[in-house]
């Protein structure tokens, strides 16, 4: 997961792929980040292997936990969405998750309906 963060932001920041070191008003306390990330991955693996939730629900749970942990100083949102996409693809190779918006959400469209 750190490698994905590095690949996303390696040309932007020097500290990419390193868990945040400063206490913020979001996320878990910095001393819990490593443990919570391991728990998040273990939970996601369990949900996938045991079919506990429908694929989209399991993906939403994984994404929520990544955002809740908020492991990096910056770039957590985009990174968490990409991690959720990758996770979903391990469950269903043809997922429908379009975080980009894919078009206007104001006008009626097939994208908006989905």
Protein backbone atom coordinates (compact mmCIF):
# COMPACT_ATOMS: atom_id res chain seq x y z
CA UNK A 1 0.00 0.00 0.00
CA UNK A 2 2.94 2.30 0.62
CA UNK A 3 4.26 1.49 -2.84
CA UNK A 4 0.97 2.61 -4.43
CA UNK A 5 1.27 5.92 -2.56
CA UNK A 6 4.86 6.27 -3.85
CA UNK A 7 3.78 5.56 -7.41
CA UNK A 8 0.99 8.14 -7.18
CA UNK A 9 2.92 10.99 -5.60
CA UNK A 10 6.63 10.19 -5.99
CA UNK A 11 7.17 13.18 -8.25
CA UNK A 12 5.28 15.50 -5.93
CA UNK A 13 6.60 14.96 -2.40
CA UNK A 14 9.84 13.58 -0.95
CA UNK A 15 8.11 11.78 1.90
CA UNK A 16 5.67 9.66 -0.15
CA UNK A 17 4.95 6.17 1.10
CA UNK A 18 5.89 7.13 4.66
CA UNK A 19 3.19 7.15 7.28
CA UNK A 20 2.52 10.57 8.78
CA UNK A 21 4.61 11.51 11.78
CA UNK A 22 2.61 14.49 13.04
CA UNK A 23 -0.60 14.40 15.02
CA UNK A 24 -3.52 15.67 12.92
CA UNK A 25 -7.17 16.29 13.66
CA UNK A 26 -8.08 13.46 11.26
CA UNK A 27 -7.16 9.81 11.31
CA UNK A 28 -5.99 7.57 14.11
CA UNK A 29 -3.16 8.65 16.41
CA UNK A 30 0.19 8.26 14.62
CA UNK A 31 1.34 5.52 16.97
CA UNK A 32 -1.66 3.38 15.87
CA UNK A 33 -1.31 3.80 12.10
CA UNK A 34 0.78 0.68 11.42
CA UNK A 35 -1.44 -1.53 13.56
CA UNK A 36 -4.66 -0.15 12.10
CA UNK A 37 -3.36 -0.55 8.56
CA UNK A 38 -2.57 -4.22 9.26
CA UNK A 39 -6.04 -4.68 10.77
CA UNK A 40 -7.62 -2.97 7.76
CA UNK A 41 -5.85 -5.32 5.36
CA UNK A 42 -6.66 -8.38 7.44
CA UNK A 43 -10.33 -7.39 7.63
CA UNK A 44 -10.48 -6.77 3.88
CA UNK A 45 -8.90 -10.14 3.16
CA UNK A 46 -11.37 -11.87 5.49
CA UNK A 47 -14.37 -10.18 3.87
CA UNK A 48 -13.16 -11.15 0.39
CA UNK A 49 -12.26 -14.75 1.24
CA UNK A 50 -15.45 -15.45 3.18
CA UNK A 51 -17.96 -13.51 1.08
CA UNK A 52 -19.17 -11.80 4.23
CA UNK A 53 -20.53 -8.81 2.31
CA UNK A 54 -21.53 -8.16 -1.25
CA UNK A 55 -18.47 -7.00 -3.24
CA UNK A 56 -19.47 -3.33 -3.32
CA UNK A 57 -20.20 -3.34 0.43
CA UNK A 58 -16.85 -5.00 1.19
CA UNK A 59 -15.14 -2.40 -0.99
CA UNK A 60 -16.95 0.44 0.76
CA UNK A 61 -15.90 -0.98 4.13
CA UNK A 62 -12.26 -1.20 3.00
CA UNK A 63 -12.33 2.36 1.62
CA UNK A 64 -13.94 3.69 4.79
CA UNK A 65 -11.26 2.11 6.99
CA UNK A 66 -8.44 3.46 4.83
CA UNK A 67 -9.86 6.97 5.04
CA UNK A 68 -10.49 6.57 8.78
CA UNK A 69 -6.86 5.56 9.42
CA UNK A 70 -5.61 8.43 7.20
CA UNK A 71 -2.04 7.12 7.22
CA UNK A 72 -0.27 9.73 5.09
CA UNK A 73 0.26 13.45 5.55
CA UNK A 74 -1.39 14.10 2.18
CA UNK A 75 -2.92 12.26 -0.77
CA UNK A 76 -5.09 9.93 1.33
CA UNK A 77 -8.30 10.42 -0.64
CA UNK A 78 -6.98 9.60 -4.10
CA UNK A 79 -4.82 6.79 -2.69
CA UNK A 80 -7.78 5.27 -0.81
CA UNK A 81 -9.97 5.37 -3.93
CA UNK A 82 -7.30 3.61 -5.99
CA UNK A 83 -6.77 1.02 -3.24
CA UNK A 84 -10.53 0.43 -3.16
CA UNK A 85 -10.56 -0.02 -6.95
CA UNK A 86 -7.71 -2.54 -6.74
CA UNK A 87 -9.44 -4.39 -3.91
CA UNK A 88 -12.72 -4.52 -5.80
CA UNK A 89 -10.93 -5.90 -8.86
CA UNK A 90 -9.70 -8.85 -6.75
CA UNK A 91 -13.34 -9.72 -6.03
CA UNK A 92 -14.90 -8.87 -9.39
CA UNK A 93 -12.70 -8.30 -12.44
CA UNK A 94 -15.34 -6.07 -14.05
CA UNK A 95 -16.25 -3.61 -11.30
CA UNK A 96 -18.28 -0.45 -11.62
CA UNK A 97 -16.52 2.14 -9.54
CA UNK A 98 -16.03 5.46 -11.28
CA UNK A 99 -14.59 7.90 -8.78
CA UNK A 100 -13.81 10.44 -11.49
CA UNK A 101 -17.42 11.38 -11.98
CA UNK A 102 -17.34 10.34 -15.63
CA UNK A 103 -19.55 13.28 -16.53
CA UNK A 104 -21.90 15.79 -15.05
CA UNK A 105 -23.95 14.80 -12.05
CA UNK A 106 -26.35 17.67 -12.69
CA UNK A 107 -27.92 16.46 -15.94
CA UNK A 108 -29.69 13.11 -16.25
CA UNK A 109 -27.40 10.47 -17.72
CA UNK A 110 -26.75 6.73 -17.59
CA UNK A 111 -23.70 7.45 -15.38
CA UNK A 112 -25.77 9.38 -12.89
CA UNK A 113 -28.47 6.70 -12.80
CA UNK A 114 -25.89 4.00 -12.10
